PDB file of N, CA and C in Angstrom:
ATOM      1  N   MET A   1      -1.265  -1.408  -8.466  1.00  0.00           N
ATOM      2  CA  MET A   1      -1.345   0.000  -8.799  1.00  0.00           C
ATOM      3  C   MET A   1      -0.798   0.197 -10.217  1.00  0.00           C
ATOM      4  N   GLU A   2      -1.497   0.959 -10.981  1.00  0.00           N
ATOM      5  CA  GLU A   2      -1.128   1.215 -12.375  1.00  0.00           C
ATOM      6  C   GLU A   2       0.148   2.038 -12.470  1.00  0.00           C
ATOM      7  N   GLU A   3       1.014   1.651 -13.394  1.00  0.00           N
ATOM      8  CA  GLU A   3       2.261   2.384 -13.613  1.00  0.00           C
ATOM      9  C   GLU A   3       1.974   3.661 -14.374  1.00  0.00           C
ATOM     10  N   ILE A   4       2.628   4.729 -13.987  1.00  0.00           N
ATOM     11  CA  ILE A   4       2.509   6.013 -14.681  1.00  0.00           C
ATOM     12  C   ILE A   4       3.836   6.299 -15.363  1.00  0.00           C
ATOM     13  N   THR A   5       3.776   6.658 -16.620  1.00  0.00           N
ATOM     14  CA  THR A   5       4.964   7.049 -17.355  1.00  0.00           C
ATOM     15  C   THR A   5       4.703   8.426 -17.947  1.00  0.00           C
ATOM     16  N   SER A   6       5.614   9.350 -17.737  1.00  0.00           N
ATOM     17  CA  SER A   6       5.458  10.673 -18.331  1.00  0.00           C
ATOM     18  C   SER A   6       6.833  11.247 -18.634  1.00  0.00           C
ATOM     19  N   GLU A   7       6.836  12.215 -19.495  1.00  0.00           N
ATOM     20  CA  GLU A   7       8.072  12.882 -19.870  1.00  0.00           C
ATOM     21  C   GLU A   7       8.059  14.281 -19.289  1.00  0.00           C
ATOM     22  N   SER A   8       9.207  14.727 -18.828  1.00  0.00           N
ATOM     23  CA  SER A   8       9.319  16.055 -18.251  1.00  0.00           C
ATOM     24  C   SER A   8      10.696  16.587 -18.579  1.00  0.00           C
ATOM     25  N   ARG A   9      11.083  17.641 -17.914  1.00  0.00           N
ATOM     26  CA  ARG A   9      12.406  18.221 -18.167  1.00  0.00           C
ATOM     27  C   ARG A   9      13.100  18.505 -16.849  1.00  0.00           C
ATOM     28  N   VAL A  10      14.383  18.693 -16.937  1.00  0.00           N
ATOM     29  CA  VAL A  10      15.174  19.123 -15.787  1.00  0.00           C
ATOM     30  C   VAL A  10      15.396  20.612 -15.971  1.00  0.00           C
ATOM     31  N   GLY A  11      15.101  21.388 -14.926  1.00  0.00           N
ATOM     32  CA  GLY A  11      15.250  22.837 -15.001  1.00  0.00           C
ATOM     33  C   GLY A  11      16.692  23.273 -15.115  1.00  0.00           C
ATOM     34  N   SER A  12      16.881  24.549 -15.384  1.00  0.00           N
ATOM     35  CA  SER A  12      18.233  25.089 -15.579  1.00  0.00           C
ATOM     36  C   SER A  12      19.097  24.976 -14.326  1.00  0.00           C
ATOM     37  N   LYS A  13      18.467  24.851 -13.157  1.00  0.00           N
ATOM     38  CA  LYS A  13      19.215  24.700 -11.906  1.00  0.00           C
ATOM     39  C   LYS A  13      19.183  23.258 -11.416  1.00  0.00           C
ATOM     40  N   GLY A  14      18.757  22.333 -12.264  1.00  0.00           N
ATOM     41  CA  GLY A  14      18.721  20.920 -11.909  1.00  0.00           C
ATOM     42  C   GLY A  14      17.418  20.482 -11.242  1.00  0.00           C
ATOM     43  N   GLU A  15      16.403  21.349 -11.227  1.00  0.00           N
ATOM     44  CA  GLU A  15      15.130  21.004 -10.594  1.00  0.00           C
ATOM     45  C   GLU A  15      14.417  19.925 -11.399  1.00  0.00           C
ATOM     46  N   LEU A  16      13.678  19.090 -10.679  1.00  0.00           N
ATOM     47  CA  LEU A  16      12.857  18.065 -11.329  1.00  0.00           C
ATOM     48  C   LEU A  16      11.403  18.525 -11.277  1.00  0.00           C
ATOM     49  N   PHE A  17      10.668  18.272 -12.343  1.00  0.00           N
ATOM     50  CA  PHE A  17       9.288  18.729 -12.442  1.00  0.00           C
ATOM     51  C   PHE A  17       8.356  17.574 -12.781  1.00  0.00           C
ATOM     52  N   PRO A  18       7.995  16.740 -11.789  1.00  0.00           N
ATOM     53  CA  PRO A  18       7.037  15.671 -12.080  1.00  0.00           C
ATOM     54  C   PRO A  18       5.666  16.284 -12.385  1.00  0.00           C
ATOM     55  N   ASN A  19       4.919  15.643 -13.292  1.00  0.00           N
ATOM     56  CA  ASN A  19       3.624  16.201 -13.658  1.00  0.00           C
ATOM     57  C   ASN A  19       2.602  16.024 -12.536  1.00  0.00           C
ATOM     58  N   LYS A  20       1.446  16.655 -12.698  1.00  0.00           N
ATOM     59  CA  LYS A  20       0.412  16.672 -11.658  1.00  0.00           C
ATOM     60  C   LYS A  20      -0.049  15.268 -11.288  1.00  0.00           C
ATOM     61  N   GLN A  21      -0.223  14.401 -12.288  1.00  0.00           N
ATOM     62  CA  GLN A  21      -0.692  13.043 -12.027  1.00  0.00           C
ATOM     63  C   GLN A  21       0.272  12.295 -11.105  1.00  0.00           C
ATOM     64  N   ILE A  22       1.558  12.445 -11.334  1.00  0.00           N
ATOM     65  CA  ILE A  22       2.572  11.794 -10.495  1.00  0.00           C
ATOM     66  C   ILE A  22       2.583  12.411  -9.100  1.00  0.00           C
ATOM     67  N   ARG A  23       2.536  13.741  -9.013  1.00  0.00           N
ATOM     68  CA  ARG A  23       2.517  14.391  -7.695  1.00  0.00           C
ATOM     69  C   ARG A  23       1.312  13.947  -6.880  1.00  0.00           C
ATOM     70  N   GLU A  24       0.155  13.852  -7.534  1.00  0.00           N
ATOM     71  CA  GLU A  24      -1.047  13.411  -6.818  1.00  0.00           C
ATOM     72  C   GLU A  24      -0.931  11.966  -6.378  1.00  0.00           C
ATOM     73  N   ARG A  25      -0.405  11.091  -7.223  1.00  0.00           N
ATOM     74  CA  ARG A  25      -0.255   9.672  -6.878  1.00  0.00           C
ATOM     75  C   ARG A  25       0.637   9.500  -5.665  1.00  0.00           C
ATOM     76  N   LEU A  26       1.701  10.320  -5.583  1.00  0.00           N
ATOM     77  CA  LEU A  26       2.642  10.229  -4.460  1.00  0.00           C
ATOM     78  C   LEU A  26       2.224  11.078  -3.268  1.00  0.00           C
ATOM     79  N   GLY A  27       1.169  11.879  -3.424  1.00  0.00           N
ATOM     80  CA  GLY A  27       0.740  12.747  -2.332  1.00  0.00           C
ATOM     81  C   GLY A  27       1.700  13.899  -2.098  1.00  0.00           C
ATOM     82  N   LEU A  28       2.363  14.346  -3.162  1.00  0.00           N
ATOM     83  CA  LEU A  28       3.335  15.429  -3.028  1.00  0.00           C
ATOM     84  C   LEU A  28       2.642  16.776  -3.116  1.00  0.00           C
ATOM     85  N   LYS A  29       2.734  17.525  -2.043  1.00  0.00           N
ATOM     86  CA  LYS A  29       2.184  18.881  -1.980  1.00  0.00           C
ATOM     87  C   LYS A  29       3.364  19.831  -1.835  1.00  0.00           C
ATOM     88  N   PRO A  30       3.158  21.117  -2.035  1.00  0.00           N
ATOM     89  CA  PRO A  30       4.271  22.049  -1.853  1.00  0.00           C
ATOM     90  C   PRO A  30       4.944  21.852  -0.493  1.00  0.00           C
ATOM     91  N   ASN A  31       6.236  21.866  -0.501  1.00  0.00           N
ATOM     92  CA  ASN A  31       7.100  21.727   0.685  1.00  0.00           C
ATOM     93  C   ASN A  31       7.134  20.321   1.280  1.00  0.00           C
ATOM     94  N   THR A  32       6.568  19.319   0.587  1.00  0.00           N
ATOM     95  CA  THR A  32       6.681  17.939   1.038  1.00  0.00           C
ATOM     96  C   THR A  32       8.137  17.518   0.892  1.00  0.00           C
ATOM     97  N   LYS A  33       8.687  16.903   1.935  1.00  0.00           N
ATOM     98  CA  LYS A  33      10.060  16.389   1.847  1.00  0.00           C
ATOM     99  C   LYS A  33      10.017  15.039   1.134  1.00  0.00           C
ATOM    100  N   VAL A  34      11.031  14.791   0.314  1.00  0.00           N
ATOM    101  CA  VAL A  34      11.112  13.534  -0.417  1.00  0.00           C
ATOM    102  C   VAL A  34      12.492  12.932  -0.260  1.00  0.00           C
ATOM    103  N   ILE A  35      12.554  11.626  -0.489  1.00  0.00           N
ATOM    104  CA  ILE A  35      13.819  10.904  -0.503  1.00  0.00           C
ATOM    105  C   ILE A  35      14.075  10.507  -1.957  1.00  0.00           C
ATOM    106  N   TYR A  36      15.272  10.759  -2.438  1.00  0.00           N
ATOM    107  CA  TYR A  36      15.681  10.331  -3.770  1.00  0.00           C
ATOM    108  C   TYR A  36      16.626   9.154  -3.607  1.00  0.00           C
ATOM    109  N   ARG A  37      16.355   8.076  -4.337  1.00  0.00           N
ATOM    110  CA  ARG A  37      17.253   6.928  -4.353  1.00  0.00           C
ATOM    111  C   ARG A  37      17.500   6.562  -5.806  1.00  0.00           C
ATOM    112  N   VAL A  38      18.681   6.066  -6.072  1.00  0.00           N
ATOM    113  CA  VAL A  38      18.993   5.561  -7.409  1.00  0.00           C
ATOM    114  C   VAL A  38      19.298   4.081  -7.260  1.00  0.00           C
ATOM    115  N   LYS A  39      18.560   3.263  -8.006  1.00  0.00           N
ATOM    116  CA  LYS A  39      18.758   1.818  -7.971  1.00  0.00           C
ATOM    117  C   LYS A  39      18.784   1.307  -9.401  1.00  0.00           C
ATOM    118  N   ASP A  40      19.882   0.685  -9.757  1.00  0.00           N
ATOM    119  CA  ASP A  40      20.050   0.133 -11.097  1.00  0.00           C
ATOM    120  C   ASP A  40      19.749   1.160 -12.183  1.00  0.00           C
ATOM    121  N   GLY A  41      20.223   2.393 -11.973  1.00  0.00           N
ATOM    122  CA  GLY A  41      20.049   3.440 -12.973  1.00  0.00           C
ATOM    123  C   GLY A  41      18.662   4.056 -13.014  1.00  0.00           C
ATOM    124  N   THR A  42      17.813   3.737 -12.038  1.00  0.00           N
ATOM    125  CA  THR A  42      16.460   4.276 -11.992  1.00  0.00           C
ATOM    126  C   THR A  42      16.322   5.194 -10.787  1.00  0.00           C
ATOM    127  N   LEU A  43      15.756   6.385 -11.005  1.00  0.00           N
ATOM    128  CA  LEU A  43      15.515   7.319  -9.918  1.00  0.00           C
ATOM    129  C   LEU A  43      14.205   6.948  -9.234  1.00  0.00           C
ATOM    130  N   ILE A  44      14.257   6.804  -7.911  1.00  0.00           N
ATOM    131  CA  ILE A  44      13.070   6.492  -7.117  1.00  0.00           C
ATOM    132  C   ILE A  44      12.834   7.677  -6.194  1.00  0.00           C
ATOM    133  N   VAL A  45      11.616   8.215  -6.218  1.00  0.00           N
ATOM    134  CA  VAL A  45      11.245   9.353  -5.384  1.00  0.00           C
ATOM    135  C   VAL A  45      10.155   8.890  -4.429  1.00  0.00           C
ATOM    136  N   GLU A  46      10.380   9.079  -3.131  1.00  0.00           N
ATOM    137  CA  GLU A  46       9.401   8.677  -2.122  1.00  0.00           C
ATOM    138  C   GLU A  46       9.173   9.820  -1.152  1.00  0.00           C
ATOM    139  N   PRO A  47       7.928  10.112  -0.818  1.00  0.00           N
ATOM    140  CA  PRO A  47       7.692  11.152   0.189  1.00  0.00           C
ATOM    141  C   PRO A  47       8.162  10.671   1.556  1.00  0.00           C
ATOM    142  N   VAL A  48       8.690  11.587   2.351  1.00  0.00           N
ATOM    143  CA  VAL A  48       9.082  11.274   3.720  1.00  0.00           C
ATOM    144  C   VAL A  48       7.815  11.358   4.562  1.00  0.00           C
ATOM    145  N   PRO A  49       7.451  10.285   5.262  1.00  0.00           N
ATOM    146  CA  PRO A  49       6.227  10.348   6.060  1.00  0.00           C
ATOM    147  C   PRO A  49       6.367  11.313   7.231  1.00  0.00           C
ATOM    148  N   THR A  50       5.257  11.955   7.572  1.00  0.00           N
ATOM    149  CA  THR A  50       5.256  12.840   8.733  1.00  0.00           C
ATOM    150  C   THR A  50       5.170  11.987  10.000  1.00  0.00           C
ATOM    151  N   LEU A  51       5.450  12.584  11.138  1.00  0.00           N
ATOM    152  CA  LEU A  51       5.354  11.876  12.405  1.00  0.00           C
ATOM    153  C   LEU A  51       3.924  11.382  12.620  1.00  0.00           C
ATOM    154  N   GLU A  52       2.951  12.192  12.256  1.00  0.00           N
ATOM    155  CA  GLU A  52       1.550  11.807  12.406  1.00  0.00           C
ATOM    156  C   GLU A  52       1.238  10.555  11.578  1.00  0.00           C
ATOM    157  N   GLU A  53       1.746  10.505  10.350  1.00  0.00           N
ATOM    158  CA  GLU A  53       1.517   9.337   9.488  1.00  0.00           C
ATOM    159  C   GLU A  53       2.165   8.089  10.076  1.00  0.00           C
ATOM    160  N   ILE A  54       3.347   8.239  10.639  1.00  0.00           N
ATOM    161  CA  ILE A  54       4.042   7.100  11.243  1.00  0.00           C
ATOM    162  C   ILE A  54       3.271   6.586  12.450  1.00  0.00           C
ATOM    163  N   LEU A  55       2.768   7.510  13.271  1.00  0.00           N
ATOM    164  CA  LEU A  55       2.035   7.103  14.474  1.00  0.00           C
ATOM    165  C   LEU A  55       0.695   6.458  14.146  1.00  0.00           C
ATOM    166  N   GLU A  56       0.129   6.751  12.975  1.00  0.00           N
ATOM    167  CA  GLU A  56      -1.135   6.141  12.559  1.00  0.00           C
ATOM    168  C   GLU A  56      -0.950   4.695  12.113  1.00  0.00           C
ATOM    169  N   GLU A  57       0.266   4.325  11.735  1.00  0.00           N
ATOM    170  CA  GLU A  57       0.537   2.963  11.274  1.00  0.00           C
ATOM    171  C   GLU A  57       0.428   1.984  12.436  1.00  0.00           C
ATOM    172  N   PRO A  58      -0.116   0.799  12.186  1.00  0.00           N
ATOM    173  CA  PRO A  58      -0.167  -0.197  13.260  1.00  0.00           C
ATOM    174  C   PRO A  58       1.247  -0.641  13.634  1.00  0.00           C
ATOM    175  N   SER A  59       1.437  -0.913  14.898  1.00  0.00           N
ATOM    176  CA  SER A  59       2.746  -1.328  15.385  1.00  0.00           C
ATOM    177  C   SER A  59       3.084  -2.718  14.853  1.00  0.00           C
ATOM    178  N   PRO A  60       4.285  -2.896  14.319  1.00  0.00           N
ATOM    179  CA  PRO A  60       4.669  -4.226  13.832  1.00  0.00           C
ATOM    180  C   PRO A  60       5.001  -5.186  14.972  1.00  0.00           C
ATOM    181  N   ILE A  61       5.150  -4.654  16.183  1.00  0.00           N
ATOM    182  CA  ILE A  61       5.513  -5.477  17.340  1.00  0.00           C
ATOM    183  C   ILE A  61       4.250  -5.783  18.134  1.00  0.00           C
ATOM    184  N   LYS A  62       4.014  -7.058  18.346  1.00  0.00           N
ATOM    185  CA  LYS A  62       2.836  -7.496  19.090  1.00  0.00           C
ATOM    186  C   LYS A  62       3.294  -8.136  20.398  1.00  0.00           C
ATOM    187  N   THR A  63       3.533  -7.324  21.413  1.00  0.00           N
ATOM    188  CA  THR A  63       3.991  -7.808  22.708  1.00  0.00           C
ATOM    189  C   THR A  63       3.036  -7.291  23.776  1.00  0.00           C
ATOM    190  N   SER A  64       2.543  -8.202  24.589  1.00  0.00           N
ATOM    191  CA  SER A  64       1.651  -7.799  25.674  1.00  0.00           C
ATOM    192  C   SER A  64       2.487  -7.269  26.829  1.00  0.00           C
ATOM    193  N   PRO A  65       1.872  -6.489  27.719  1.00  0.00           N
ATOM    194  CA  PRO A  65       2.622  -6.026  28.897  1.00  0.00           C
ATOM    195  C   PRO A  65       3.161  -7.190  29.733  1.00  0.00           C
ATOM    196  N   GLU A  66       2.407  -8.283  29.791  1.00  0.00           N
ATOM    197  CA  GLU A  66       2.855  -9.446  30.559  1.00  0.00           C
ATOM    198  C   GLU A  66       4.109 -10.061  29.927  1.00  0.00           C
ATOM    199  N   GLU A  67       4.103 -10.181  28.602  1.00  0.00           N
ATOM    200  CA  GLU A  67       5.278 -10.731  27.911  1.00  0.00           C
ATOM    201  C   GLU A  67       6.492  -9.834  28.119  1.00  0.00           C
ATOM    202  N   LEU A  68       6.271  -8.539  28.072  1.00  0.00           N
ATOM    203  CA  LEU A  68       7.364  -7.593  28.277  1.00  0.00           C
ATOM    204  C   LEU A  68       7.935  -7.717  29.693  1.00  0.00           C
ATOM    205  N   GLU A  69       7.045  -7.836  30.680  1.00  0.00           N
ATOM    206  CA  GLU A  69       7.487  -7.986  32.073  1.00  0.00           C
ATOM    207  C   GLU A  69       8.247  -9.293  32.262  1.00  0.00           C
ATOM    208  N   ASN A  70       7.770 -10.385  31.690  1.00  0.00           N
ATOM    209  CA  ASN A  70       8.474 -11.674  31.784  1.00  0.00           C
ATOM    210  C   ASN A  70       9.862 -11.588  31.154  1.00  0.00           C
ATOM    211  N   GLU A  71       9.955 -10.932  30.010  1.00  0.00           N
ATOM    212  CA  GLU A  71      11.251 -10.780  29.350  1.00  0.00           C
ATOM    213  C   GLU A  71      12.192  -9.928  30.204  1.00  0.00           C
ATOM    214  N   ARG A  72      11.666  -8.870  30.802  1.00  0.00           N
ATOM    215  CA  ARG A  72      12.485  -8.018  31.670  1.00  0.00           C
ATOM    216  C   ARG A  72      13.027  -8.806  32.852  1.00  0.00           C
ATOM    217  N   ARG A  73      12.171  -9.633  33.471  1.00  0.00           N
ATOM    218  CA  ARG A  73      12.609 -10.451  34.613  1.00  0.00           C
ATOM    219  C   ARG A  73      13.682 -11.450  34.197  1.00  0.00           C
ATOM    220  N   GLU A  74      13.492 -12.070  33.065  1.00  0.00           N
ATOM    221  CA  GLU A  74      14.469 -13.044  32.572  1.00  0.00           C
ATOM    222  C   GLU A  74      15.814 -12.381  32.312  1.00  0.00           C
ATOM    223  N   GLN A  75      15.798 -11.200  31.708  1.00  0.00           N
ATOM    224  CA  GLN A  75      17.046 -10.497  31.426  1.00  0.00           C
ATOM    225  C   GLN A  75      17.718 -10.050  32.734  1.00  0.00           C
ATOM    226  N   SER A  76      16.906  -9.653  33.720  1.00  0.00           N
ATOM    227  CA  SER A  76      17.475  -9.264  35.027  1.00  0.00           C
ATOM    228  C   SER A  76      18.168 -10.436  35.686  1.00  0.00           C
ATOM    229  N   LYS A  77      17.546 -11.625  35.626  1.00  0.00           N
ATOM    230  CA  LYS A  77      18.150 -12.824  36.204  1.00  0.00           C
ATOM    231  C   LYS A  77      19.487 -13.130  35.523  1.00  0.00           C
ATOM    232  N   LYS A  78      19.525 -13.027  34.210  1.00  0.00           N
ATOM    233  CA  LYS A  78      20.770 -13.288  33.472  1.00  0.00           C
ATOM    234  C   LYS A  78      21.848 -12.297  33.866  1.00  0.00           C
ATOM    235  N   ALA A  79      21.462 -11.042  34.082  1.00  0.00           N
ATOM    236  CA  ALA A  79      22.431  -9.999  34.422  1.00  0.00           C
ATOM    237  C   ALA A  79      23.007 -10.210  35.818  1.00  0.00           C
ATOM    238  N   GLU A  80      22.231 -10.839  36.725  1.00  0.00           N
ATOM    239  CA  GLU A  80      22.694 -11.080  38.099  1.00  0.00           C
ATOM    240  C   GLU A  80      23.703 -12.194  38.196  1.00  0.00           C
ATOM    241  N   ARG A  81      23.747 -13.074  37.205  1.00  0.00           N
ATOM    242  CA  ARG A  81      24.658 -14.230  37.248  1.00  0.00           C
ATOM    243  C   ARG A  81      26.094 -13.843  37.078  1.00  0.00           C
TER     244      ARG A  81
END
């Protein structure tokens, strides 16, 4: 992804005003929640994903119901000892 560099200003109340190109790249619309992080003197702005966006993501865990049941049985046996 191409890097975007732009100059802006900080408002009188400390507001940040990223330009339209940056807002569009990040998918920032009015009232979008964002996370601000500072790393090595650099400000990083990331949109907070909505619940719908999170649920659309593929699950990182690949466990079948059979594997889950086997694990549950094994843990039950250990707990009985």
